[in-house]
């Protein structure tokens, strides 16, 4: 099974800039405190490869990152408490970024699973 998911980042620098690949599956919602049943070999009975891209960051993490950039790294991680009240932040141009990232991941999956294809072949199929 191949699962593609949006993730919550632990650093604002990783939002829409990294792709995580794991062969251990994924637990949907776990990054935002809304965990669901895991999608993995134990729950599904088949090997699971998860591909994820962080598309959001919580406000407290964003605040810590901004304070660190301002030289206020002495702040204890728990000092902000529930800063942001569970607010989740995403980039202004998230629609464009998700479109571009989906294309990159989709092309990668197609080229990996069909070694004889070229990028031009994939583009032809999608046109």
PDB file of N, CA and C in Angstrom:
ATOM      1  N   UNK A   1       0.853  -1.155   0.000  1.00  0.00           N
ATOM      2  CA  UNK A   1       0.000   0.000   0.000  1.00  0.00           C
ATOM      3  C   UNK A   1       0.902   1.222   0.000  1.00  0.00           C
ATOM      4  N   UNK A   2       0.496   2.204  -0.755  1.00  0.00           N
ATOM      5  CA  UNK A   2       1.209   3.476  -0.828  1.00  0.00           C
ATOM      6  C   UNK A   2       0.275   4.563  -0.312  1.00  0.00           C
ATOM      7  N   UNK A   3       0.697   5.268   0.729  1.00  0.00           N
ATOM      8  CA  UNK A   3      -0.116   6.341   1.326  1.00  0.00           C
ATOM      9  C   UNK A   3       0.611   7.661   1.143  1.00  0.00           C
ATOM     10  N   UNK A   4      -0.111   8.660   0.651  1.00  0.00           N
ATOM     11  CA  UNK A   4       0.442  10.003   0.505  1.00  0.00           C
ATOM     12  C   UNK A   4      -0.369  10.909   1.424  1.00  0.00           C
ATOM     13  N   UNK A   5       0.330  11.706   2.244  1.00  0.00           N
ATOM     14  CA  UNK A   5      -0.377  12.492   3.256  1.00  0.00           C
ATOM     15  C   UNK A   5       0.272  13.850   3.484  1.00  0.00           C
ATOM     16  N   UNK A   6      -0.542  14.766   3.987  1.00  0.00           N
ATOM     17  CA  UNK A   6      -0.043  16.050   4.472  1.00  0.00           C
ATOM     18  C   UNK A   6       0.374  15.850   5.924  1.00  0.00           C
ATOM     19  N   UNK A   7       1.448  16.503   6.320  1.00  0.00           N
ATOM     20  CA  UNK A   7       1.983  16.360   7.670  1.00  0.00           C
ATOM     21  C   UNK A   7       2.051  17.712   8.363  1.00  0.00           C
ATOM     22  N   UNK A   8       2.214  17.683   9.671  1.00  0.00           N
ATOM     23  CA  UNK A   8       2.500  18.884  10.448  1.00  0.00           C
ATOM     24  C   UNK A   8       4.007  18.934  10.681  1.00  0.00           C
ATOM     25  N   UNK A   9       4.609  20.088  10.454  1.00  0.00           N
ATOM     26  CA  UNK A   9       6.050  20.250  10.598  1.00  0.00           C
ATOM     27  C   UNK A   9       6.428  20.609  12.029  1.00  0.00           C
ATOM     28  N   UNK A  10       7.626  20.257  12.412  1.00  0.00           N
ATOM     29  CA  UNK A  10       8.153  20.655  13.717  1.00  0.00           C
ATOM     30  C   UNK A  10       9.054  21.879  13.596  1.00  0.00           C
ATOM     31  N   UNK A  11       9.176  22.381  12.375  1.00  0.00           N
ATOM     32  CA  UNK A  11       9.942  23.595  12.123  1.00  0.00           C
ATOM     33  C   UNK A  11       9.317  24.294  10.928  1.00  0.00           C
ATOM     34  N   UNK A  12       9.161  25.593  11.016  1.00  0.00           N
ATOM     35  CA  UNK A  12       8.563  26.346   9.922  1.00  0.00           C
ATOM     36  C   UNK A  12       9.412  26.231   8.650  1.00  0.00           C
ATOM     37  N   UNK A  13      10.713  25.988   8.788  1.00  0.00           N
ATOM     38  CA  UNK A  13      11.587  25.863   7.619  1.00  0.00           C
ATOM     39  C   UNK A  13      11.275  24.633   6.780  1.00  0.00           C
ATOM     40  N   UNK A  14      10.591  23.654   7.338  1.00  0.00           N
ATOM     41  CA  UNK A  14      10.294  22.423   6.606  1.00  0.00           C
ATOM     42  C   UNK A  14       8.952  22.441   5.889  1.00  0.00           C
ATOM     43  N   UNK A  15       8.118  23.431   6.163  1.00  0.00           N
ATOM     44  CA  UNK A  15       6.783  23.486   5.557  1.00  0.00           C
ATOM     45  C   UNK A  15       6.913  23.600   4.034  1.00  0.00           C
ATOM     46  N   UNK A  16       6.341  22.639   3.340  1.00  0.00           N
ATOM     47  CA  UNK A  16       6.342  22.559   1.869  1.00  0.00           C
ATOM     48  C   UNK A  16       7.750  22.511   1.275  1.00  0.00           C
ATOM     49  N   UNK A  17       8.721  22.052   2.059  1.00  0.00           N
ATOM     50  CA  UNK A  17      10.098  21.989   1.568  1.00  0.00           C
ATOM     51  C   UNK A  17      10.760  20.631   1.728  1.00  0.00           C
ATOM     52  N   UNK A  18      10.111  19.714   2.385  1.00  0.00           N
ATOM     53  CA  UNK A  18      10.688  18.390   2.564  1.00  0.00           C
ATOM     54  C   UNK A  18       9.651  17.337   2.173  1.00  0.00           C
ATOM     55  N   UNK A  19      10.151  16.167   1.830  1.00  0.00           N
ATOM     56  CA  UNK A  19       9.297  15.021   1.558  1.00  0.00           C
ATOM     57  C   UNK A  19       9.797  13.888   2.438  1.00  0.00           C
ATOM     58  N   UNK A  20       8.920  13.336   3.226  1.00  0.00           N
ATOM     59  CA  UNK A  20       9.278  12.241   4.135  1.00  0.00           C
ATOM     60  C   UNK A  20       8.776  10.935   3.541  1.00  0.00           C
ATOM     61  N   UNK A  21       9.652   9.945   3.476  1.00  0.00           N
ATOM     62  CA  UNK A  21       9.284   8.615   2.989  1.00  0.00           C
ATOM     63  C   UNK A  21       9.609   7.616   4.093  1.00  0.00           C
ATOM     64  N   UNK A  22       8.640   6.765   4.420  1.00  0.00           N
ATOM     65  CA  UNK A  22       8.845   5.774   5.485  1.00  0.00           C
ATOM     66  C   UNK A  22       8.197   4.451   5.084  1.00  0.00           C
ATOM     67  N   UNK A  23       8.818   3.364   5.515  1.00  0.00           N
ATOM     68  CA  UNK A  23       8.240   2.045   5.243  1.00  0.00           C
ATOM     69  C   UNK A  23       7.515   1.491   6.469  1.00  0.00           C
ATOM     70  N   UNK A  24       7.256   2.358   7.429  1.00  0.00           N
ATOM     71  CA  UNK A  24       6.588   1.940   8.670  1.00  0.00           C
ATOM     72  C   UNK A  24       5.131   2.380   8.732  1.00  0.00           C
ATOM     73  N   UNK A  25       4.644   3.018   7.680  1.00  0.00           N
ATOM     74  CA  UNK A  25       3.266   3.475   7.666  1.00  0.00           C
ATOM     75  C   UNK A  25       3.125   4.860   8.239  1.00  0.00           C
ATOM     76  N   UNK A  26       1.878   5.209   8.588  1.00  0.00           N
ATOM     77  CA  UNK A  26       1.580   6.547   9.078  1.00  0.00           C
ATOM     78  C   UNK A  26       0.361   6.494   9.992  1.00  0.00           C
ATOM     79  N   UNK A  27       0.296   7.428  10.926  1.00  0.00           N
ATOM     80  CA  UNK A  27      -0.884   7.578  11.779  1.00  0.00           C
ATOM     81  C   UNK A  27      -1.513   8.919  11.447  1.00  0.00           C
ATOM     82  N   UNK A  28      -2.589   8.910  10.646  1.00  0.00           N
ATOM     83  CA  UNK A  28      -3.203  10.171  10.232  1.00  0.00           C
ATOM     84  C   UNK A  28      -3.637  11.023  11.425  1.00  0.00           C
ATOM     85  N   UNK A  29      -3.391  12.331  11.313  1.00  0.00           N
ATOM     86  CA  UNK A  29      -3.814  13.271  12.343  1.00  0.00           C
ATOM     87  C   UNK A  29      -2.906  13.380  13.548  1.00  0.00           C
ATOM     88  N   UNK A  30      -1.905  12.514  13.665  1.00  0.00           N
ATOM     89  CA  UNK A  30      -1.077  12.512  14.872  1.00  0.00           C
ATOM     90  C   UNK A  30      -0.267  13.793  15.041  1.00  0.00           C
ATOM     91  N   UNK A  31       0.081  14.458  13.956  1.00  0.00           N
ATOM     92  CA  UNK A  31       0.868  15.683  14.049  1.00  0.00           C
ATOM     93  C   UNK A  31       0.097  16.879  14.553  1.00  0.00           C
ATOM     94  N   UNK A  32      -1.232  16.794  14.533  1.00  0.00           N
ATOM     95  CA  UNK A  32      -2.059  17.911  14.990  1.00  0.00           C
ATOM     96  C   UNK A  32      -2.946  17.508  16.164  1.00  0.00           C
ATOM     97  N   UNK A  33      -2.576  16.427  16.846  1.00  0.00           N
ATOM     98  CA  UNK A  33      -3.303  16.005  18.037  1.00  0.00           C
ATOM     99  C   UNK A  33      -4.658  15.386  17.764  1.00  0.00           C
ATOM    100  N   UNK A  34      -4.837  14.804  16.588  1.00  0.00           N
ATOM    101  CA  UNK A  34      -6.110  14.205  16.214  1.00  0.00           C
ATOM    102  C   UNK A  34      -5.855  12.819  15.609  1.00  0.00           C
ATOM    103  N   UNK A  35      -5.081  12.001  16.319  1.00  0.00           N
ATOM    104  CA  UNK A  35      -4.639  10.710  15.794  1.00  0.00           C
ATOM    105  C   UNK A  35      -5.805   9.775  15.491  1.00  0.00           C
ATOM    106  N   UNK A  36      -5.677   9.091  14.378  1.00  0.00           N
ATOM    107  CA  UNK A  36      -6.635   8.072  13.935  1.00  0.00           C
ATOM    108  C   UNK A  36      -5.919   6.728  13.955  1.00  0.00           C
ATOM    109  N   UNK A  37      -6.608   5.692  13.537  1.00  0.00           N
ATOM    110  CA  UNK A  37      -5.971   4.377  13.496  1.00  0.00           C
ATOM    111  C   UNK A  37      -4.815   4.394  12.498  1.00  0.00           C
ATOM    112  N   UNK A  38      -3.721   3.767  12.879  1.00  0.00           N
ATOM    113  CA  UNK A  38      -2.525   3.728  12.045  1.00  0.00           C
ATOM    114  C   UNK A  38      -2.782   2.973  10.747  1.00  0.00           C
ATOM    115  N   UNK A  39      -2.113   3.419   9.713  1.00  0.00           N
ATOM    116  CA  UNK A  39      -2.079   2.704   8.446  1.00  0.00           C
ATOM    117  C   UNK A  39      -0.692   2.093   8.344  1.00  0.00           C
ATOM    118  N   UNK A  40      -0.583   0.821   8.691  1.00  0.00           N
ATOM    119  CA  UNK A  40       0.715   0.149   8.663  1.00  0.00           C
ATOM    120  C   UNK A  40       0.507  -1.339   8.381  1.00  0.00           C
ATOM    121  N   UNK A  41       1.594  -2.084   8.333  1.00  0.00           N
ATOM    122  CA  UNK A  41       1.510  -3.511   8.006  1.00  0.00           C
ATOM    123  C   UNK A  41       0.685  -4.280   9.033  1.00  0.00           C
ATOM    124  N   UNK A  42       0.749  -3.873  10.279  1.00  0.00           N
ATOM    125  CA  UNK A  42      -0.011  -4.579  11.316  1.00  0.00           C
ATOM    126  C   UNK A  42      -1.516  -4.366  11.171  1.00  0.00           C
ATOM    127  N   UNK A  43      -1.936  -3.148  10.848  1.00  0.00           N
ATOM    128  CA  UNK A  43      -3.375  -2.875  10.767  1.00  0.00           C
ATOM    129  C   UNK A  43      -3.972  -3.249   9.414  1.00  0.00           C
ATOM    130  N   UNK A  44      -3.149  -3.202   8.345  1.00  0.00           N
ATOM    131  CA  UNK A  44      -3.678  -3.470   7.011  1.00  0.00           C
ATOM    132  C   UNK A  44      -3.309  -4.847   6.467  1.00  0.00           C
ATOM    133  N   UNK A  45      -2.308  -5.478   7.069  1.00  0.00           N
ATOM    134  CA  UNK A  45      -1.905  -6.806   6.626  1.00  0.00           C
ATOM    135  C   UNK A  45      -1.028  -6.822   5.387  1.00  0.00           C
ATOM    136  N   UNK A  46      -0.593  -5.670   4.931  1.00  0.00           N
ATOM    137  CA  UNK A  46       0.305  -5.569   3.783  1.00  0.00           C
ATOM    138  C   UNK A  46       1.358  -4.508   4.093  1.00  0.00           C
ATOM    139  N   UNK A  47       2.521  -4.571   3.460  1.00  0.00           N
ATOM    140  CA  UNK A  47       3.523  -3.521   3.674  1.00  0.00           C
ATOM    141  C   UNK A  47       2.975  -2.152   3.266  1.00  0.00           C
ATOM    142  N   UNK A  48       3.364  -1.122   4.012  1.00  0.00           N
ATOM    143  CA  UNK A  48       2.883   0.230   3.741  1.00  0.00           C
ATOM    144  C   UNK A  48       4.076   1.165   3.584  1.00  0.00           C
ATOM    145  N   UNK A  49       4.060   1.920   2.498  1.00  0.00           N
ATOM    146  CA  UNK A  49       5.034   2.983   2.298  1.00  0.00           C
ATOM    147  C   UNK A  49       4.271   4.295   2.405  1.00  0.00           C
ATOM    148  N   UNK A  50       4.730   5.172   3.274  1.00  0.00           N
ATOM    149  CA  UNK A  50       4.081   6.467   3.472  1.00  0.00           C
ATOM    150  C   UNK A  50       4.963   7.570   2.903  1.00  0.00           C
ATOM    151  N   UNK A  51       4.344   8.454   2.164  1.00  0.00           N
ATOM    152  CA  UNK A  51       5.028   9.627   1.620  1.00  0.00           C
ATOM    153  C   UNK A  51       4.281  10.833   2.175  1.00  0.00           C
ATOM    154  N   UNK A  52       5.000  11.706   2.854  1.00  0.00           N
ATOM    155  CA  UNK A  52       4.346  12.859   3.465  1.00  0.00           C
ATOM    156  C   UNK A  52       5.091  14.146   3.231  1.00  0.00           C
ATOM    157  N   UNK A  53       4.339  15.215   3.141  1.00  0.00           N
ATOM    158  CA  UNK A  53       4.902  16.554   2.999  1.00  0.00           C
ATOM    159  C   UNK A  53       4.298  17.425   4.097  1.00  0.00           C
ATOM    160  N   UNK A  54       5.132  18.073   4.901  1.00  0.00           N
ATOM    161  CA  UNK A  54       4.588  18.981   5.914  1.00  0.00           C
ATOM    162  C   UNK A  54       3.988  20.213   5.246  1.00  0.00           C
ATOM    163  N   UNK A  55       2.708  20.452   5.510  1.00  0.00           N
ATOM    164  CA  UNK A  55       2.011  21.590   4.919  1.00  0.00           C
ATOM    165  C   UNK A  55       1.522  22.584   5.968  1.00  0.00           C
ATOM    166  N   UNK A  56       1.630  22.220   7.237  1.00  0.00           N
ATOM    167  CA  UNK A  56       1.194  23.109   8.317  1.00  0.00           C
ATOM    168  C   UNK A  56       2.207  23.067   9.456  1.00  0.00           C
ATOM    169  N   UNK A  57       2.117  24.065  10.331  1.00  0.00           N
ATOM    170  CA  UNK A  57       2.913  24.109  11.557  1.00  0.00           C
ATOM    171  C   UNK A  57       2.008  24.735  12.614  1.00  0.00           C
ATOM    172  N   UNK A  58       2.136  24.281  13.857  1.00  0.00           N
ATOM    173  CA  UNK A  58       1.283  24.894  14.879  1.00  0.00           C
ATOM    174  C   UNK A  58       1.871  26.238  15.302  1.00  0.00           C
ATOM    175  N   UNK A  59       1.008  27.118  15.809  1.00  0.00           N
ATOM    176  CA  UNK A  59       1.401  28.489  16.132  1.00  0.00           C
ATOM    177  C   UNK A  59       2.498  28.542  17.193  1.00  0.00           C
ATOM    178  N   UNK A  60       2.469  27.629  18.165  1.00  0.00           N
ATOM    179  CA  UNK A  60       3.513  27.630  19.208  1.00  0.00           C
ATOM    180  C   UNK A  60       4.871  27.307  18.604  1.00  0.00           C
ATOM    181  N   UNK A  61       4.918  26.356  17.665  1.00  0.00           N
ATOM    182  CA  UNK A  61       6.176  26.028  16.989  1.00  0.00           C
ATOM    183  C   UNK A  61       6.667  27.216  16.178  1.00  0.00           C
ATOM    184  N   UNK A  62       5.758  27.863  15.475  1.00  0.00           N
ATOM    185  CA  UNK A  62       6.109  29.043  14.696  1.00  0.00           C
ATOM    186  C   UNK A  62       6.671  30.129  15.606  1.00  0.00           C
ATOM    187  N   UNK A  63       6.045  30.346  16.753  1.00  0.00           N
ATOM    188  CA  UNK A  63       6.501  31.350  17.714  1.00  0.00           C
ATOM    189  C   UNK A  63       7.896  31.018  18.214  1.00  0.00           C
ATOM    190  N   UNK A  64       8.139  29.754  18.557  1.00  0.00           N
ATOM    191  CA  UNK A  64       9.482  29.352  19.015  1.00  0.00           C
ATOM    192  C   UNK A  64      10.528  29.589  17.926  1.00  0.00           C
ATOM    193  N   UNK A  65      10.185  29.266  16.668  1.00  0.00           N
ATOM    194  CA  UNK A  65      11.119  29.484  15.563  1.00  0.00           C
ATOM    195  C   UNK A  65      11.449  30.961  15.397  1.00  0.00           C
ATOM    196  N   UNK A  66      10.432  31.815  15.480  1.00  0.00           N
ATOM    197  CA  UNK A  66      10.646  33.257  15.335  1.00  0.00           C
ATOM    198  C   UNK A  66      11.493  33.780  16.492  1.00  0.00           C
ATOM    199  N   UNK A  67      11.209  33.346  17.712  1.00  0.00           N
ATOM    200  CA  UNK A  67      12.008  33.774  18.866  1.00  0.00           C
ATOM    201  C   UNK A  67      13.456  33.301  18.746  1.00  0.00           C
ATOM    202  N   UNK A  68      13.662  32.091  18.253  1.00  0.00           N
ATOM    203  CA  UNK A  68      15.025  31.577  18.078  1.00  0.00           C
ATOM    204  C   UNK A  68      15.789  32.423  17.059  1.00  0.00           C
ATOM    205  N   UNK A  69      15.112  32.813  15.982  1.00  0.00           N
ATOM    206  CA  UNK A  69      15.761  33.662  14.976  1.00  0.00           C
ATOM    207  C   UNK A  69      16.102  35.035  15.550  1.00  0.00           C
ATOM    208  N   UNK A  70      15.337  35.467  16.538  1.00  0.00           N
ATOM    209  CA  UNK A  70      15.579  36.766  17.172  1.00  0.00           C
ATOM    210  C   UNK A  70      16.591  36.661  18.315  1.00  0.00           C
ATOM    211  N   UNK A  71      17.167  35.490  18.506  1.00  0.00           N
ATOM    212  CA  UNK A  71      18.166  35.311  19.545  1.00  0.00           C
ATOM    213  C   UNK A  71      17.599  35.018  20.919  1.00  0.00           C
ATOM    214  N   UNK A  72      16.374  34.585  21.008  1.00  0.00           N
ATOM    215  CA  UNK A  72      15.726  34.296  22.292  1.00  0.00           C
ATOM    216  C   UNK A  72      15.617  32.787  22.506  1.00  0.00           C
ATOM    217  N   UNK A  73      16.684  32.062  22.200  1.00  0.00           N
ATOM    218  CA  UNK A  73      16.657  30.596  22.285  1.00  0.00           C
ATOM    219  C   UNK A  73      16.662  30.074  23.717  1.00  0.00           C
ATOM    220  N   UNK A  74      16.883  30.955  24.702  1.00  0.00           N
ATOM    221  CA  UNK A  74      16.927  30.489  26.086  1.00  0.00           C
ATOM    222  C   UNK A  74      15.545  30.109  26.607  1.00  0.00           C
ATOM    223  N   UNK A  75      14.524  30.402  25.843  1.00  0.00           N
ATOM    224  CA  UNK A  75      13.157  30.092  26.229  1.00  0.00           C
ATOM    225  C   UNK A  75      12.961  28.579  26.312  1.00  0.00           C
ATOM    226  N   UNK A  76      12.409  28.135  27.427  1.00  0.00           N
ATOM    227  CA  UNK A  76      12.104  26.707  27.590  1.00  0.00           C
ATOM    228  C   UNK A  76      10.956  26.332  26.668  1.00  0.00           C
ATOM    229  N   UNK A  77      10.980  25.114  26.090  1.00  0.00           N
ATOM    230  CA  UNK A  77       9.909  24.703  25.171  1.00  0.00           C
ATOM    231  C   UNK A  77       8.517  24.819  25.774  1.00  0.00           C
ATOM    232  N   UNK A  78       8.366  24.567  27.076  1.00  0.00           N
ATOM    233  CA  UNK A  78       7.043  24.618  27.706  1.00  0.00           C
ATOM    234  C   UNK A  78       6.634  26.041  28.114  1.00  0.00           C
ATOM    235  N   UNK A  79       7.555  27.018  27.999  1.00  0.00           N
ATOM    236  CA  UNK A  79       7.287  28.378  28.454  1.00  0.00           C
ATOM    237  C   UNK A  79       6.142  29.045  27.684  1.00  0.00           C
ATOM    238  N   UNK A  80       5.914  28.632  26.456  1.00  0.00           N
ATOM    239  CA  UNK A  80       4.839  29.229  25.670  1.00  0.00           C
ATOM    240  C   UNK A  80       3.488  28.614  25.990  1.00  0.00           C
ATOM    241  N   UNK A  81       3.510  27.505  26.699  1.00  0.00           N
ATOM    242  CA  UNK A  81       2.258  26.843  27.057  1.00  0.00           C
ATOM    243  C   UNK A  81       1.430  26.535  25.830  1.00  0.00           C
ATOM    244  N   UNK A  82       0.203  26.948  25.856  1.00  0.00           N
ATOM    245  CA  UNK A  82      -0.709  26.715  24.730  1.00  0.00           C
ATOM    246  C   UNK A  82      -0.771  27.947  23.829  1.00  0.00           C
ATOM    247  N   UNK A  83       0.378  28.562  23.582  1.00  0.00           N
ATOM    248  CA  UNK A  83       0.406  29.734  22.700  1.00  0.00           C
ATOM    249  C   UNK A  83      -0.261  29.388  21.382  1.00  0.00           C
ATOM    250  N   UNK A  84      -1.147  30.241  20.949  1.00  0.00           N
ATOM    251  CA  UNK A  84      -1.858  30.001  19.703  1.00  0.00           C
ATOM    252  C   UNK A  84      -3.134  29.208  19.896  1.00  0.00           C
ATOM    253  N   UNK A  85      -3.332  28.641  21.080  1.00  0.00           N
ATOM    254  CA  UNK A  85      -4.569  27.919  21.368  1.00  0.00           C
ATOM    255  C   UNK A  85      -4.897  26.825  20.373  1.00  0.00           C
ATOM    256  N   UNK A  86      -3.884  26.099  19.902  1.00  0.00           N
ATOM    257  CA  UNK A  86      -4.126  25.031  18.943  1.00  0.00           C
ATOM    258  C   UNK A  86      -4.252  25.530  17.512  1.00  0.00           C
ATOM    259  N   UNK A  87      -3.878  26.779  17.281  1.00  0.00           N
ATOM    260  CA  UNK A  87      -3.945  27.352  15.946  1.00  0.00           C
ATOM    261  C   UNK A  87      -2.932  26.670  15.031  1.00  0.00           C
ATOM    262  N   UNK A  88      -3.384  26.294  13.852  1.00  0.00           N
ATOM    263  CA  UNK A  88      -2.516  25.670  12.859  1.00  0.00           C
ATOM    264  C   UNK A  88      -2.318  26.673  11.732  1.00  0.00           C
ATOM    265  N   UNK A  89      -1.062  26.856  11.306  1.00  0.00           N
ATOM    266  CA  UNK A  89      -0.716  27.866  10.311  1.00  0.00           C
ATOM    267  C   UNK A  89      -0.211  27.187   9.043  1.00  0.00           C
ATOM    268  N   UNK A  90      -0.595  27.743   7.908  1.00  0.00           N
ATOM    269  CA  UNK A  90      -0.163  27.225   6.613  1.00  0.00           C
ATOM    270  C   UNK A  90       0.228  28.412   5.731  1.00  0.00           C
ATOM    271  N   UNK A  91       1.068  28.199   4.725  1.00  0.00           N
ATOM    272  CA  UNK A  91       1.471  29.317   3.867  1.00  0.00           C
ATOM    273  C   UNK A  91       0.295  29.917   3.097  1.00  0.00           C
ATOM    274  N   UNK A  92       0.420  31.170   2.757  1.00  0.00           N
ATOM    275  CA  UNK A  92      -0.625  31.881   2.014  1.00  0.00           C
ATOM    276  C   UNK A  92      -0.896  31.224   0.663  1.00  0.00           C
ATOM    277  N   UNK A  93       0.156  30.752  -0.001  1.00  0.00           N
ATOM    278  CA  UNK A  93       0.016  30.157  -1.332  1.00  0.00           C
ATOM    279  C   UNK A  93      -0.036  28.624  -1.270  1.00  0.00           C
ATOM    280  N   UNK A  94      -0.678  28.081  -0.234  1.00  0.00           N
ATOM    281  CA  UNK A  94      -0.695  26.635  -0.023  1.00  0.00           C
ATOM    282  C   UNK A  94      -1.288  25.884  -1.211  1.00  0.00           C
ATOM    283  N   UNK A  95      -2.306  26.450  -1.864  1.00  0.00           N
ATOM    284  CA  UNK A  95      -2.916  25.760  -3.003  1.00  0.00           C
ATOM    285  C   UNK A  95      -1.905  25.525  -4.118  1.00  0.00           C
ATOM    286  N   UNK A  96      -1.132  26.547  -4.441  1.00  0.00           N
ATOM    287  CA  UNK A  96      -0.113  26.425  -5.484  1.00  0.00           C
ATOM    288  C   UNK A  96       0.974  25.454  -5.056  1.00  0.00           C
ATOM    289  N   UNK A  97       1.412  25.549  -3.799  1.00  0.00           N
ATOM    290  CA  UNK A  97       2.472  24.668  -3.331  1.00  0.00           C
ATOM    291  C   UNK A  97       2.028  23.207  -3.318  1.00  0.00           C
ATOM    292  N   UNK A  98       0.795  22.941  -2.882  1.00  0.00           N
ATOM    293  CA  UNK A  98       0.292  21.566  -2.874  1.00  0.00           C
ATOM    294  C   UNK A  98       0.177  21.045  -4.303  1.00  0.00           C
ATOM    295  N   UNK A  99      -0.285  21.871  -5.220  1.00  0.00           N
ATOM    296  CA  UNK A  99      -0.369  21.466  -6.629  1.00  0.00           C
ATOM    297  C   UNK A  99       1.000  21.058  -7.152  1.00  0.00           C
ATOM    298  N   UNK A 100       2.010  21.896  -6.893  1.00  0.00           N
ATOM    299  CA  UNK A 100       3.370  21.610  -7.373  1.00  0.00           C
ATOM    300  C   UNK A 100       3.946  20.359  -6.707  1.00  0.00           C
ATOM    301  N   UNK A 101       3.760  20.240  -5.401  1.00  0.00           N
ATOM    302  CA  UNK A 101       4.287  19.074  -4.684  1.00  0.00           C
ATOM    303  C   UNK A 101       3.585  17.791  -5.103  1.00  0.00           C
ATOM    304  N   UNK A 102       2.282  17.862  -5.352  1.00  0.00           N
ATOM    305  CA  UNK A 102       1.542  16.683  -5.818  1.00  0.00           C
ATOM    306  C   UNK A 102       2.077  16.224  -7.165  1.00  0.00           C
ATOM    307  N   UNK A 103       2.409  17.166  -8.009  1.00  0.00           N
ATOM    308  CA  UNK A 103       2.963  16.828  -9.324  1.00  0.00           C
ATOM    309  C   UNK A 103       4.317  16.142  -9.173  1.00  0.00           C
ATOM    310  N   UNK A 104       5.169  16.685  -8.324  1.00  0.00           N
ATOM    311  CA  UNK A 104       6.486  16.082  -8.085  1.00  0.00           C
ATOM    312  C   UNK A 104       6.338  14.660  -7.537  1.00  0.00           C
ATOM    313  N   UNK A 105       5.490  14.489  -6.536  1.00  0.00           N
ATOM    314  CA  UNK A 105       5.308  13.168  -5.925  1.00  0.00           C
ATOM    315  C   UNK A 105       4.650  12.217  -6.921  1.00  0.00           C
ATOM    316  N   UNK A 106       3.634  12.680  -7.632  1.00  0.00           N
ATOM    317  CA  UNK A 106       2.960  11.836  -8.618  1.00  0.00           C
ATOM    318  C   UNK A 106       3.895  11.376  -9.723  1.00  0.00           C
ATOM    319  N   UNK A 107       4.691  12.291 -10.238  1.00  0.00           N
ATOM    320  CA  UNK A 107       5.665  11.924 -11.266  1.00  0.00           C
ATOM    321  C   UNK A 107       6.657  10.912 -10.706  1.00  0.00           C
ATOM    322  N   UNK A 108       7.130  11.163  -9.483  1.00  0.00           N
ATOM    323  CA  UNK A 108       8.092  10.241  -8.859  1.00  0.00           C
ATOM    324  C   UNK A 108       7.529   8.838  -8.700  1.00  0.00           C
ATOM    325  N   UNK A 109       6.274   8.748  -8.248  1.00  0.00           N
ATOM    326  CA  UNK A 109       5.643   7.440  -8.071  1.00  0.00           C
ATOM    327  C   UNK A 109       5.499   6.742  -9.426  1.00  0.00           C
ATOM    328  N   UNK A 110       4.994   7.466 -10.427  1.00  0.00           N
ATOM    329  CA  UNK A 110       4.829   6.870 -11.753  1.00  0.00           C
ATOM    330  C   UNK A 110       6.152   6.394 -12.339  1.00  0.00           C
ATOM    331  N   UNK A 111       7.188   7.206 -12.223  1.00  0.00           N
ATOM    332  CA  UNK A 111       8.483   6.821 -12.780  1.00  0.00           C
ATOM    333  C   UNK A 111       9.117   5.669 -12.006  1.00  0.00           C
ATOM    334  N   UNK A 112       8.875   5.607 -10.689  1.00  0.00           N
ATOM    335  CA  UNK A 112       9.425   4.513  -9.877  1.00  0.00           C
ATOM    336  C   UNK A 112       8.716   3.197 -10.166  1.00  0.00           C
ATOM    337  N   UNK A 113       7.405   3.239 -10.357  1.00  0.00           N
ATOM    338  CA  UNK A 113       6.636   2.013 -10.562  1.00  0.00           C
ATOM    339  C   UNK A 113       6.613   1.551 -12.015  1.00  0.00           C
ATOM    340  N   UNK A 114       6.960   2.430 -12.928  1.00  0.00           N
ATOM    341  CA  UNK A 114       6.969   2.106 -14.357  1.00  0.00           C
ATOM    342  C   UNK A 114       8.318   2.531 -14.943  1.00  0.00           C
ATOM    343  N   UNK A 115       9.362   1.723 -14.747  1.00  0.00           N
ATOM    344  CA  UNK A 115      10.720   2.120 -15.124  1.00  0.00           C
ATOM    345  C   UNK A 115      10.887   2.481 -16.601  1.00  0.00           C
ATOM    346  N   UNK A 116      10.032   1.988 -17.471  1.00  0.00           N
ATOM    347  CA  UNK A 116      10.164   2.293 -18.901  1.00  0.00           C
ATOM    348  C   UNK A 116       9.612   3.647 -19.289  1.00  0.00           C
ATOM    349  N   UNK A 117       8.880   4.295 -18.394  1.00  0.00           N
ATOM    350  CA  UNK A 117       8.288   5.596 -18.708  1.00  0.00           C
ATOM    351  C   UNK A 117       9.306   6.715 -18.613  1.00  0.00           C
ATOM    352  N   UNK A 118       9.055   7.741 -19.387  1.00  0.00           N
ATOM    353  CA  UNK A 118       9.834   8.978 -19.285  1.00  0.00           C
ATOM    354  C   UNK A 118       8.920  10.070 -18.735  1.00  0.00           C
ATOM    355  N   UNK A 119       9.501  11.194 -18.394  1.00  0.00           N
ATOM    356  CA  UNK A 119       8.693  12.321 -17.931  1.00  0.00           C
ATOM    357  C   UNK A 119       7.723  12.750 -19.029  1.00  0.00           C
ATOM    358  N   UNK A 120       8.176  12.704 -20.255  1.00  0.00           N
ATOM    359  CA  UNK A 120       7.315  13.069 -21.376  1.00  0.00           C
ATOM    360  C   UNK A 120       6.116  12.118 -21.478  1.00  0.00           C
ATOM    361  N   UNK A 121       6.340  10.808 -21.222  1.00  0.00           N
ATOM    362  CA  UNK A 121       5.227   9.853 -21.231  1.00  0.00           C
ATOM    363  C   UNK A 121       4.201  10.203 -20.163  1.00  0.00           C
ATOM    364  N   UNK A 122       4.672  10.500 -18.962  1.00  0.00           N
ATOM    365  CA  UNK A 122       3.761  10.836 -17.864  1.00  0.00           C
ATOM    366  C   UNK A 122       2.983  12.099 -18.214  1.00  0.00           C
ATOM    367  N   UNK A 123       3.654  13.110 -18.763  1.00  0.00           N
ATOM    368  CA  UNK A 123       2.964  14.332 -19.155  1.00  0.00           C
ATOM    369  C   UNK A 123       1.915  14.063 -20.221  1.00  0.00           C
ATOM    370  N   UNK A 124       2.198  13.161 -21.146  1.00  0.00           N
ATOM    371  CA  UNK A 124       1.247  12.806 -22.190  1.00  0.00           C
ATOM    372  C   UNK A 124       0.005  12.166 -21.587  1.00  0.00           C
ATOM    373  N   UNK A 125       0.191  11.277 -20.613  1.00  0.00           N
ATOM    374  CA  UNK A 125      -0.941  10.625 -19.967  1.00  0.00           C
ATOM    375  C   UNK A 125      -1.814  11.624 -19.208  1.00  0.00           C
ATOM    376  N   UNK A 126      -1.203  12.679 -18.676  1.00  0.00           N
ATOM    377  CA  UNK A 126      -1.928  13.649 -17.879  1.00  0.00           C
ATOM    378  C   UNK A 126      -2.533  14.791 -18.679  1.00  0.00           C
ATOM    379  N   UNK A 127      -2.226  14.837 -19.975  1.00  0.00           N
ATOM    380  CA  UNK A 127      -2.770  15.944 -20.781  1.00  0.00           C
ATOM    381  C   UNK A 127      -4.128  15.644 -21.361  1.00  0.00           C
TER     382      UNK A 127
END
